[in-house]
Amino acid sequence: IYPPTAITAPVGSKSLGQTIAWTVDAQPDGTLWDQVTRREVAYLFWEAHTNPKLLSSPPVTQPSSPAETIPYTFDPASPILTPSHSALLPFDKVTEYIDDALLALGLHTEARTSFITYWLPDLSKHAFIALRFLPQDEYEKAAPLNIIPIPEVVTRVFMLFRGVEGSEIELWDDAAEMGRMDASVWRDFVRIDTTKVHDKSLFRVLEWGGME
């Protein structure tokens, strides 16, 4: 957590997670002044630990028909990536793909660079990577965000990814096909209004993150 702030634990239930809060003054250029630490920062950082459930790994199989979809709800304790809702890319193409996707999702240059360099050490461990960007409403259920006063535009970009072994590649044909498509397809999937995202006259909030 940065700037440091208190962690509030739920009373009577461990399943509800924890909460944190900052009180900041926001400037038009995005600079934040944290009132507790009395420090000026470019962004707020938080990282969560999950409580893994004892579930078996999901089968890596293709749908029985092109129209078939796999029901999916994001659970941080047991995240799932399957060929039907992911893009598969070799490592030497994944950073360019992610940058294109983030650009389509409205992230500015500094945010895109920070995103990629943050995850690059983990991405570089794999020859092939499957990834997907979560719909904002799906991510909101797992990580609620409350801001006062209410922003006019909130953009929350969260990427799930995993390494794929060479021996599994043939099972990921659907994901490989999506990886060959233009990365801007994620704009509609995540549900981003790029017109509002780039409107500097509005009170805008941007959050980016990911999970392997």
Protein backbone atom coordinates (compact mmCIF):
# COMPACT_ATOMS: atom_id res chain seq x y z
CA ILE A 1 0.00 0.00 0.00
CA TYR A 2 1.35 3.42 -0.89
CA PRO A 3 1.03 5.99 0.48
CA PRO A 4 0.72 4.02 3.75
CA THR A 5 -2.77 3.98 5.22
CA ALA A 6 -4.75 1.94 7.71
CA ILE A 7 -6.26 -1.42 6.75
CA THR A 8 -9.77 -2.01 8.05
CA ALA A 9 -10.77 -5.62 8.69
CA PRO A 10 -14.43 -6.71 8.63
CA VAL A 11 -16.14 -7.52 11.91
CA GLY A 12 -17.40 -11.07 12.37
CA SER A 13 -16.60 -12.44 8.90
CA LYS A 14 -13.32 -13.26 7.18
CA SER A 15 -15.03 -13.67 3.81
CA LEU A 16 -15.68 -9.98 3.27
CA GLY A 17 -12.06 -9.00 2.77
CA GLN A 18 -10.44 -5.80 3.97
CA THR A 19 -10.78 -2.15 3.04
CA ILE A 20 -8.41 0.80 2.81
CA ALA A 21 -9.04 4.49 2.29
CA TRP A 22 -7.04 7.55 1.35
CA THR A 23 -7.90 11.22 1.68
CA VAL A 24 -6.23 13.15 -1.10
CA ASP A 25 -6.36 16.43 -2.97
CA ALA A 26 -6.39 15.83 -6.73
CA GLN A 27 -4.91 18.27 -9.22
CA PRO A 28 -6.00 18.65 -12.88
CA ASP A 29 -2.67 17.14 -14.02
CA GLY A 30 -3.35 13.97 -12.00
CA THR A 31 -0.97 14.76 -9.15
CA LEU A 32 -2.31 13.72 -5.74
CA TRP A 33 -1.57 15.21 -2.32
CA ASP A 34 -2.03 12.63 0.45
CA GLN A 35 -3.33 14.39 3.55
CA VAL A 36 -2.10 11.73 6.00
CA THR A 37 1.52 11.39 4.91
CA ARG A 38 1.69 14.95 3.55
CA ARG A 39 3.32 13.64 0.39
CA GLU A 40 2.74 14.36 -3.26
CA VAL A 41 2.31 11.23 -5.38
CA ALA A 42 1.53 10.35 -8.98
CA TYR A 43 -0.85 7.53 -8.07
CA LEU A 44 -2.17 5.34 -5.25
CA PHE A 45 -1.01 1.73 -5.01
CA TRP A 46 -2.68 -1.27 -3.43
CA GLU A 47 -2.11 -4.99 -3.66
CA ALA A 48 -4.36 -7.73 -2.30
CA HIS A 49 -3.73 -11.29 -1.18
CA THR A 50 -6.39 -13.89 -1.94
CA ASN A 51 -7.60 -16.85 0.07
CA PRO A 52 -7.33 -19.73 -2.44
CA LYS A 53 -10.17 -22.21 -2.50
CA LEU A 54 -9.54 -25.93 -2.86
CA LEU A 55 -10.77 -26.25 -6.42
CA SER A 56 -9.42 -28.36 -9.23
CA SER A 57 -7.98 -26.63 -12.27
CA PRO A 58 -10.52 -25.89 -15.01
CA PRO A 59 -10.23 -28.19 -18.03
CA VAL A 60 -8.45 -26.69 -21.01
CA THR A 61 -10.96 -27.66 -23.67
CA GLN A 62 -12.61 -26.03 -26.63
CA PRO A 63 -16.37 -25.39 -26.71
CA SER A 64 -18.37 -28.11 -28.47
CA SER A 65 -19.70 -25.49 -30.89
CA PRO A 66 -18.62 -21.97 -31.91
CA ALA A 67 -21.72 -20.48 -30.32
CA GLU A 68 -21.15 -22.13 -26.96
CA THR A 69 -19.78 -19.92 -24.21
CA ILE A 70 -18.49 -20.80 -20.78
CA PRO A 71 -20.29 -19.15 -17.85
CA TYR A 72 -17.77 -17.02 -16.02
CA THR A 73 -17.66 -14.86 -12.94
CA PHE A 74 -14.36 -13.43 -11.77
CA ASP A 75 -13.29 -14.82 -8.40
CA PRO A 76 -9.84 -13.61 -7.27
CA ALA A 77 -9.47 -16.72 -5.12
CA SER A 78 -9.83 -19.00 -8.15
CA PRO A 79 -9.28 -17.01 -11.36
CA ILE A 80 -9.96 -18.81 -14.63
CA LEU A 81 -8.62 -18.41 -18.13
CA THR A 82 -9.94 -20.62 -20.91
CA PRO A 83 -9.38 -20.59 -24.68
CA SER A 84 -12.88 -19.27 -25.39
CA HIS A 85 -12.40 -15.92 -23.68
CA SER A 86 -8.66 -15.25 -23.95
CA ALA A 87 -6.04 -14.09 -26.42
CA LEU A 88 -2.92 -16.23 -26.81
CA LEU A 89 0.38 -14.73 -27.92
CA PRO A 90 4.06 -15.66 -27.94
CA PHE A 91 6.15 -13.64 -25.54
CA ASP A 92 7.90 -11.73 -28.33
CA LYS A 93 4.55 -10.26 -29.40
CA VAL A 94 2.72 -9.91 -26.11
CA THR A 95 4.07 -6.52 -24.98
CA GLU A 96 3.15 -4.87 -28.28
CA TYR A 97 -0.31 -6.46 -28.09
CA ILE A 98 -0.84 -5.27 -24.51
CA ASP A 99 0.27 -1.75 -25.40
CA ASP A 100 -2.19 -1.68 -28.30
CA ALA A 101 -4.97 -2.98 -26.05
CA LEU A 102 -4.25 -0.43 -23.33
CA LEU A 103 -4.17 2.36 -25.90
CA ALA A 104 -7.61 1.25 -27.12
CA LEU A 105 -8.81 1.22 -23.51
CA GLY A 106 -7.82 4.85 -23.09
CA LEU A 107 -4.61 4.61 -21.06
CA HIS A 108 -2.08 7.39 -21.58
CA THR A 109 1.59 6.76 -22.37
CA GLU A 110 2.88 6.78 -18.78
CA ALA A 111 0.15 4.40 -17.61
CA ARG A 112 0.76 1.98 -20.50
CA THR A 113 4.50 1.99 -19.89
CA SER A 114 4.07 1.47 -16.14
CA PHE A 115 1.60 -1.36 -16.73
CA ILE A 116 3.90 -3.25 -19.09
CA THR A 117 7.10 -2.75 -17.12
CA TYR A 118 5.35 -3.81 -13.89
CA TRP A 119 4.24 -7.12 -15.38
CA LEU A 120 7.18 -7.72 -17.72
CA PRO A 121 9.23 -9.84 -15.27
CA ASP A 122 6.28 -12.22 -14.85
CA LEU A 123 5.36 -12.27 -18.53
CA SER A 124 8.96 -13.02 -19.54
CA LYS A 125 8.89 -16.33 -17.66
CA HIS A 126 6.62 -17.83 -20.33
CA ALA A 127 7.07 -18.63 -24.01
CA PHE A 128 3.31 -18.24 -24.59
CA ILE A 129 0.85 -16.13 -22.62
CA ALA A 130 -2.94 -16.28 -22.49
CA LEU A 131 -4.60 -13.09 -21.31
CA ARG A 132 -7.92 -11.33 -21.02
CA PHE A 133 -9.16 -7.97 -19.79
CA LEU A 134 -12.11 -8.11 -17.40
CA PRO A 135 -15.37 -6.24 -17.98
CA GLN A 136 -15.43 -3.35 -15.53
CA ASP A 137 -18.65 -4.46 -13.86
CA GLU A 138 -17.21 -7.93 -13.29
CA TYR A 139 -14.09 -6.52 -11.67
CA GLU A 140 -16.14 -4.11 -9.57
CA LYS A 141 -17.88 -7.05 -7.87
CA ALA A 142 -14.53 -8.39 -6.69
CA ALA A 143 -12.93 -5.04 -5.82
CA PRO A 144 -15.52 -2.33 -5.05
CA LEU A 145 -14.28 1.23 -5.43
CA ASN A 146 -15.91 4.23 -3.77
CA ILE A 147 -14.75 7.79 -4.46
CA ILE A 148 -16.16 11.00 -2.98
CA PRO A 149 -17.04 13.19 -4.79
CA ILE A 150 -18.23 10.77 -7.45
CA PRO A 151 -16.07 10.98 -10.61
CA GLU A 152 -17.69 11.66 -13.96
CA VAL A 153 -15.58 8.93 -15.57
CA VAL A 154 -14.11 5.82 -13.92
CA THR A 155 -11.89 3.53 -15.99
CA ARG A 156 -10.78 0.28 -14.35
CA VAL A 157 -8.52 -1.93 -16.46
CA PHE A 158 -7.63 -5.34 -15.03
CA MET A 159 -5.78 -8.08 -16.92
CA LEU A 160 -5.70 -11.78 -16.10
CA PHE A 161 -2.89 -13.82 -17.62
CA ARG A 162 -1.14 -17.17 -17.41
CA GLY A 163 1.64 -19.01 -19.12
CA VAL A 164 0.75 -21.74 -21.61
CA GLU A 165 3.06 -24.69 -22.22
CA GLY A 166 4.05 -25.54 -25.77
CA SER A 167 2.40 -28.95 -25.35
CA GLU A 168 -0.96 -27.21 -24.71
CA ILE A 169 -0.90 -24.86 -27.70
CA GLU A 170 -3.21 -26.95 -29.89
CA LEU A 171 -5.90 -26.68 -27.20
CA TRP A 172 -5.80 -22.88 -27.39
CA ASP A 173 -6.73 -22.41 -31.06
CA ASP A 174 -9.62 -20.05 -30.25
CA ALA A 175 -7.36 -17.89 -28.09
CA ALA A 176 -4.64 -17.87 -30.75
CA GLU A 177 -7.20 -16.66 -33.29
CA MET A 178 -8.22 -13.84 -30.96
CA GLY A 179 -4.57 -12.96 -30.47
CA ARG A 180 -4.33 -12.37 -34.23
CA MET A 181 -7.24 -9.92 -34.12
CA ASP A 182 -6.82 -6.21 -33.52
CA ALA A 183 -6.30 -5.58 -29.81
CA SER A 184 -8.95 -2.85 -29.88
CA VAL A 185 -11.60 -5.60 -29.58
CA TRP A 186 -11.13 -5.34 -25.82
CA ARG A 187 -12.62 -1.84 -25.80
CA ASP A 188 -16.17 -3.12 -26.16
CA PHE A 189 -15.51 -6.13 -23.94
CA VAL A 190 -14.27 -4.01 -21.04
CA ARG A 191 -16.93 -1.38 -21.88
CA ILE A 192 -14.85 1.77 -22.22
CA ASP A 193 -16.28 5.08 -23.41
CA THR A 194 -13.12 6.52 -24.95
CA THR A 195 -14.78 9.86 -25.70
CA LYS A 196 -15.29 10.53 -21.99
CA VAL A 197 -11.98 8.93 -21.04
CA HIS A 198 -10.09 11.56 -23.05
CA ASP A 199 -12.28 14.52 -22.06
CA LYS A 200 -9.97 16.61 -19.86
CA SER A 201 -12.86 18.80 -18.72
CA LEU A 202 -14.30 15.88 -16.72
CA PHE A 203 -13.32 14.52 -13.30
CA ARG A 204 -11.69 11.25 -14.38
CA VAL A 205 -10.26 8.30 -12.44
CA LEU A 206 -8.03 5.62 -13.96
CA GLU A 207 -7.09 2.35 -12.27
CA TRP A 208 -5.02 -0.41 -13.81
CA GLY A 209 -3.93 -3.76 -12.44
CA GLY A 210 -3.53 -7.43 -13.15
CA MET A 211 -3.18 -10.94 -11.82
CA GLU A 212 -1.34 -14.08 -12.88
